[in-house]
């Protein structure tokens, strides 16, 4: 059984908006589409090490309120045992700087990058409109060469997917 939750459908930021003649993809559409298209099999346990930044509890609900450190990079991955393909989903929370993510592979090793796309832009409040439907849309990201160590250069304010074939 498969279950999916998309609270945005009942709220004000629907991934798809229509008018009598067209369908508009909002920026939130793309991360969901990538997950549906590429995330298969099981989720991998990824120990991520990297720089963090502080957050303050001011304005948070009491059960969430805590002063803490948050990593600039957040990464999750899946592997499909049927075909060995791996999907990486990478978030760069840094608003100012590109961040490098070094992925050390053990087994299986990536042999080919099938897809590497990112969703980014200088304006976090930018939205697609029927007049400008691709203002916020995925763009190709230069993928590192596949191998035992891969260095992804993630733009600031970005969400990136990489879909990889393995040995």
C-alpha atoms as a PDB file:
ATOM      1  CA  UNK A   1       0.000   0.000   0.000  1.00  0.00           C
ATOM      2  CA  UNK A   2       1.278   3.508  -0.839  1.00  0.00           C
ATOM      3  CA  UNK A   3       0.250   6.564   1.091  1.00  0.00           C
ATOM      4  CA  UNK A   4       1.052  10.155   0.248  1.00  0.00           C
ATOM      5  CA  UNK A   5       0.292  13.319   2.124  1.00  0.00           C
ATOM      6  CA  UNK A   6       0.217  16.718   0.516  1.00  0.00           C
ATOM      7  CA  UNK A   7      -1.220  19.223   2.967  1.00  0.00           C
ATOM      8  CA  UNK A   8      -0.609  22.019   0.473  1.00  0.00           C
ATOM      9  CA  UNK A   9      -3.513  20.772  -1.654  1.00  0.00           C
ATOM     10  CA  UNK A  10      -6.000  21.895   0.978  1.00  0.00           C
ATOM     11  CA  UNK A  11      -4.104  25.043   1.867  1.00  0.00           C
ATOM     12  CA  UNK A  12      -3.181  28.072  -0.198  1.00  0.00           C
ATOM     13  CA  UNK A  13      -0.038  26.796  -1.919  1.00  0.00           C
ATOM     14  CA  UNK A  14      -1.307  24.126  -4.266  1.00  0.00           C
ATOM     15  CA  UNK A  15       1.376  22.566  -6.485  1.00  0.00           C
ATOM     16  CA  UNK A  16      -0.859  22.944  -9.535  1.00  0.00           C
ATOM     17  CA  UNK A  17      -3.100  25.899 -10.347  1.00  0.00           C
ATOM     18  CA  UNK A  18      -5.482  26.042 -13.288  1.00  0.00           C
ATOM     19  CA  UNK A  19      -7.344  28.596 -15.298  1.00  0.00           C
ATOM     20  CA  UNK A  20      -9.786  27.802 -18.146  1.00  0.00           C
ATOM     21  CA  UNK A  21      -6.951  27.211 -20.642  1.00  0.00           C
ATOM     22  CA  UNK A  22      -3.796  26.150 -18.792  1.00  0.00           C
ATOM     23  CA  UNK A  23      -2.185  24.345 -15.869  1.00  0.00           C
ATOM     24  CA  UNK A  24       0.489  26.170 -13.888  1.00  0.00           C
ATOM     25  CA  UNK A  25       3.194  24.368 -11.908  1.00  0.00           C
ATOM     26  CA  UNK A  26       4.101  26.181  -8.710  1.00  0.00           C
ATOM     27  CA  UNK A  27       7.638  25.870  -7.332  1.00  0.00           C
ATOM     28  CA  UNK A  28       6.449  23.395  -4.676  1.00  0.00           C
ATOM     29  CA  UNK A  29       5.404  21.025  -7.481  1.00  0.00           C
ATOM     30  CA  UNK A  30       8.958  20.078  -8.441  1.00  0.00           C
ATOM     31  CA  UNK A  31      10.239  18.524  -5.181  1.00  0.00           C
ATOM     32  CA  UNK A  32       7.109  16.370  -5.016  1.00  0.00           C
ATOM     33  CA  UNK A  33       7.455  15.376  -8.669  1.00  0.00           C
ATOM     34  CA  UNK A  34      11.112  14.431  -8.155  1.00  0.00           C
ATOM     35  CA  UNK A  35      10.247  12.280  -5.148  1.00  0.00           C
ATOM     36  CA  UNK A  36       7.484  10.496  -7.061  1.00  0.00           C
ATOM     37  CA  UNK A  37       9.691   9.985 -10.102  1.00  0.00           C
ATOM     38  CA  UNK A  38      13.028   9.036  -8.538  1.00  0.00           C
ATOM     39  CA  UNK A  39      12.597   7.845  -4.927  1.00  0.00           C
ATOM     40  CA  UNK A  40      12.328   4.075  -5.093  1.00  0.00           C
ATOM     41  CA  UNK A  41      13.183   1.172  -2.838  1.00  0.00           C
ATOM     42  CA  UNK A  42      14.581   1.875   0.577  1.00  0.00           C
ATOM     43  CA  UNK A  43      15.860   4.975   2.295  1.00  0.00           C
ATOM     44  CA  UNK A  44      19.588   5.022   2.991  1.00  0.00           C
ATOM     45  CA  UNK A  45      21.011   6.056   6.362  1.00  0.00           C
ATOM     46  CA  UNK A  46      23.364   8.939   5.555  1.00  0.00           C
ATOM     47  CA  UNK A  47      25.635  10.355   8.231  1.00  0.00           C
ATOM     48  CA  UNK A  48      26.039  14.003   7.173  1.00  0.00           C
ATOM     49  CA  UNK A  49      28.823  16.117   8.631  1.00  0.00           C
ATOM     50  CA  UNK A  50      29.115  19.821   7.989  1.00  0.00           C
ATOM     51  CA  UNK A  51      28.766  23.388   9.117  1.00  0.00           C
ATOM     52  CA  UNK A  52      25.724  24.552  11.040  1.00  0.00           C
ATOM     53  CA  UNK A  53      24.078  27.837  11.923  1.00  0.00           C
ATOM     54  CA  UNK A  54      22.200  28.829  15.083  1.00  0.00           C
ATOM     55  CA  UNK A  55      18.451  29.219  15.309  1.00  0.00           C
ATOM     56  CA  UNK A  56      16.538  30.945  18.084  1.00  0.00           C
ATOM     57  CA  UNK A  57      13.397  29.654  19.760  1.00  0.00           C
ATOM     58  CA  UNK A  58      11.703  33.071  19.716  1.00  0.00           C
ATOM     59  CA  UNK A  59       8.242  32.800  18.186  1.00  0.00           C
ATOM     60  CA  UNK A  60       8.153  28.993  18.131  1.00  0.00           C
ATOM     61  CA  UNK A  61       5.497  26.913  19.875  1.00  0.00           C
ATOM     62  CA  UNK A  62       6.574  25.746  23.317  1.00  0.00           C
ATOM     63  CA  UNK A  63       6.881  22.082  22.243  1.00  0.00           C
ATOM     64  CA  UNK A  64       9.230  23.111  19.397  1.00  0.00           C
ATOM     65  CA  UNK A  65      11.008  25.961  21.184  1.00  0.00           C
ATOM     66  CA  UNK A  66      14.717  25.381  21.599  1.00  0.00           C
ATOM     67  CA  UNK A  67      17.866  27.199  20.689  1.00  0.00           C
ATOM     68  CA  UNK A  68      19.836  24.862  18.499  1.00  0.00           C
ATOM     69  CA  UNK A  69      22.175  24.426  15.571  1.00  0.00           C
ATOM     70  CA  UNK A  70      20.844  23.480  12.122  1.00  0.00           C
ATOM     71  CA  UNK A  71      23.010  22.056   9.339  1.00  0.00           C
ATOM     72  CA  UNK A  72      23.307  24.098   6.154  1.00  0.00           C
ATOM     73  CA  UNK A  73      23.010  20.895   4.113  1.00  0.00           C
ATOM     74  CA  UNK A  74      20.327  18.273   4.485  1.00  0.00           C
ATOM     75  CA  UNK A  75      20.549  15.098   2.403  1.00  0.00           C
ATOM     76  CA  UNK A  76      18.440  12.009   1.953  1.00  0.00           C
ATOM     77  CA  UNK A  77      18.801   9.137  -0.491  1.00  0.00           C
ATOM     78  CA  UNK A  78      17.009   6.064  -1.731  1.00  0.00           C
ATOM     79  CA  UNK A  79      18.216   2.940  -3.500  1.00  0.00           C
ATOM     80  CA  UNK A  80      16.073   0.764  -5.725  1.00  0.00           C
ATOM     81  CA  UNK A  81      17.161  -2.866  -5.250  1.00  0.00           C
ATOM     82  CA  UNK A  82      15.507  -3.832  -8.538  1.00  0.00           C
ATOM     83  CA  UNK A  83      17.876  -1.785 -10.708  1.00  0.00           C
ATOM     84  CA  UNK A  84      20.475  -0.439  -8.248  1.00  0.00           C
ATOM     85  CA  UNK A  85      19.658   3.186  -9.005  1.00  0.00           C
ATOM     86  CA  UNK A  86      20.274   5.712  -6.261  1.00  0.00           C
ATOM     87  CA  UNK A  87      18.525   9.059  -5.835  1.00  0.00           C
ATOM     88  CA  UNK A  88      20.020  11.864  -3.764  1.00  0.00           C
ATOM     89  CA  UNK A  89      17.848  14.751  -2.564  1.00  0.00           C
ATOM     90  CA  UNK A  90      19.992  17.668  -1.356  1.00  0.00           C
ATOM     91  CA  UNK A  91      18.889  20.871   0.361  1.00  0.00           C
ATOM     92  CA  UNK A  92      21.228  23.861   0.771  1.00  0.00           C
ATOM     93  CA  UNK A  93      19.753  26.198   3.404  1.00  0.00           C
ATOM     94  CA  UNK A  94      22.580  28.733   3.038  1.00  0.00           C
ATOM     95  CA  UNK A  95      21.001  31.915   1.690  1.00  0.00           C
ATOM     96  CA  UNK A  96      24.300  33.444   0.564  1.00  0.00           C
ATOM     97  CA  UNK A  97      26.799  30.776  -0.430  1.00  0.00           C
ATOM     98  CA  UNK A  98      27.244  27.735  -2.567  1.00  0.00           C
ATOM     99  CA  UNK A  99      27.958  24.685  -0.446  1.00  0.00           C
ATOM    100  CA  UNK A 100      29.969  21.650  -1.443  1.00  0.00           C
ATOM    101  CA  UNK A 101      28.666  18.209  -0.599  1.00  0.00           C
ATOM    102  CA  UNK A 102      31.231  15.420  -0.771  1.00  0.00           C
ATOM    103  CA  UNK A 103      29.625  11.994  -1.044  1.00  0.00           C
ATOM    104  CA  UNK A 104      31.898   9.044  -0.212  1.00  0.00           C
ATOM    105  CA  UNK A 105      30.446   5.908  -1.799  1.00  0.00           C
ATOM    106  CA  UNK A 106      31.172   2.420  -0.666  1.00  0.00           C
ATOM    107  CA  UNK A 107      28.934  -0.103  -2.346  1.00  0.00           C
ATOM    108  CA  UNK A 108      27.406   0.123  -4.844  1.00  0.00           C
ATOM    109  CA  UNK A 109      29.501   2.687  -6.701  1.00  0.00           C
ATOM    110  CA  UNK A 110      27.818   5.170  -9.061  1.00  0.00           C
ATOM    111  CA  UNK A 111      28.718   4.563 -12.706  1.00  0.00           C
ATOM    112  CA  UNK A 112      26.608   7.216 -14.441  1.00  0.00           C
ATOM    113  CA  UNK A 113      24.692  10.348 -13.537  1.00  0.00           C
ATOM    114  CA  UNK A 114      21.265  10.022 -15.142  1.00  0.00           C
ATOM    115  CA  UNK A 115      19.787  13.310 -13.871  1.00  0.00           C
ATOM    116  CA  UNK A 116      21.148  16.261 -11.923  1.00  0.00           C
ATOM    117  CA  UNK A 117      18.747  19.195 -11.533  1.00  0.00           C
ATOM    118  CA  UNK A 118      18.344  22.001  -9.061  1.00  0.00           C
ATOM    119  CA  UNK A 119      15.607  24.394  -8.038  1.00  0.00           C
ATOM    120  CA  UNK A 120      17.088  27.742  -7.007  1.00  0.00           C
ATOM    121  CA  UNK A 121      16.913  31.461  -7.552  1.00  0.00           C
ATOM    122  CA  UNK A 122      17.808  34.807  -6.016  1.00  0.00           C
ATOM    123  CA  UNK A 123      14.274  35.581  -4.784  1.00  0.00           C
ATOM    124  CA  UNK A 124      12.762  33.179  -2.243  1.00  0.00           C
ATOM    125  CA  UNK A 125       9.371  34.824  -2.707  1.00  0.00           C
ATOM    126  CA  UNK A 126       9.301  34.402  -6.499  1.00  0.00           C
ATOM    127  CA  UNK A 127       6.251  32.583  -7.856  1.00  0.00           C
ATOM    128  CA  UNK A 128       5.227  31.255 -11.220  1.00  0.00           C
ATOM    129  CA  UNK A 129       2.356  33.010 -12.955  1.00  0.00           C
ATOM    130  CA  UNK A 130       0.425  32.265 -16.113  1.00  0.00           C
ATOM    131  CA  UNK A 131       2.372  35.108 -17.745  1.00  0.00           C
ATOM    132  CA  UNK A 132       5.722  33.711 -16.479  1.00  0.00           C
ATOM    133  CA  UNK A 133       5.114  29.976 -15.919  1.00  0.00           C
ATOM    134  CA  UNK A 134       8.791  28.985 -15.737  1.00  0.00           C
ATOM    135  CA  UNK A 135      10.116  31.737 -13.476  1.00  0.00           C
ATOM    136  CA  UNK A 136      10.792  29.142 -10.771  1.00  0.00           C
ATOM    137  CA  UNK A 137      11.634  25.861 -12.472  1.00  0.00           C
ATOM    138  CA  UNK A 138      14.356  23.212 -12.314  1.00  0.00           C
ATOM    139  CA  UNK A 139      17.552  23.791 -14.199  1.00  0.00           C
ATOM    140  CA  UNK A 140      20.381  21.448 -15.036  1.00  0.00           C
ATOM    141  CA  UNK A 141      23.210  21.350 -12.512  1.00  0.00           C
ATOM    142  CA  UNK A 142      26.686  20.279 -13.521  1.00  0.00           C
ATOM    143  CA  UNK A 143      27.081  16.823 -12.058  1.00  0.00           C
ATOM    144  CA  UNK A 144      30.362  15.533 -10.686  1.00  0.00           C
ATOM    145  CA  UNK A 145      31.983  12.546 -12.336  1.00  0.00           C
ATOM    146  CA  UNK A 146      30.591   9.317 -10.888  1.00  0.00           C
ATOM    147  CA  UNK A 147      32.899   7.311  -8.672  1.00  0.00           C
ATOM    148  CA  UNK A 148      33.903   6.539  -5.104  1.00  0.00           C
ATOM    149  CA  UNK A 149      33.916  10.242  -4.215  1.00  0.00           C
ATOM    150  CA  UNK A 150      31.543  12.775  -5.750  1.00  0.00           C
ATOM    151  CA  UNK A 151      31.646  16.537  -5.033  1.00  0.00           C
ATOM    152  CA  UNK A 152      28.328  18.278  -5.614  1.00  0.00           C
ATOM    153  CA  UNK A 153      28.414  22.092  -5.744  1.00  0.00           C
ATOM    154  CA  UNK A 154      24.996  23.147  -4.463  1.00  0.00           C
ATOM    155  CA  UNK A 155      23.857  26.704  -5.204  1.00  0.00           C
ATOM    156  CA  UNK A 156      22.617  28.882  -2.337  1.00  0.00           C
ATOM    157  CA  UNK A 157      18.897  28.538  -1.552  1.00  0.00           C
ATOM    158  CA  UNK A 158      18.589  25.306  -3.516  1.00  0.00           C
ATOM    159  CA  UNK A 159      16.956  21.913  -3.591  1.00  0.00           C
ATOM    160  CA  UNK A 160      18.743  19.435  -5.857  1.00  0.00           C
ATOM    161  CA  UNK A 161      18.125  15.906  -7.119  1.00  0.00           C
ATOM    162  CA  UNK A 162      20.698  13.515  -8.558  1.00  0.00           C
ATOM    163  CA  UNK A 163      19.617  10.178 -10.000  1.00  0.00           C
ATOM    164  CA  UNK A 164      22.498   7.706 -10.426  1.00  0.00           C
ATOM    165  CA  UNK A 165      23.085   4.343 -12.049  1.00  0.00           C
ATOM    166  CA  UNK A 166      25.330   2.016 -10.024  1.00  0.00           C
ATOM    167  CA  UNK A 167      27.439  -1.088 -10.487  1.00  0.00           C
END
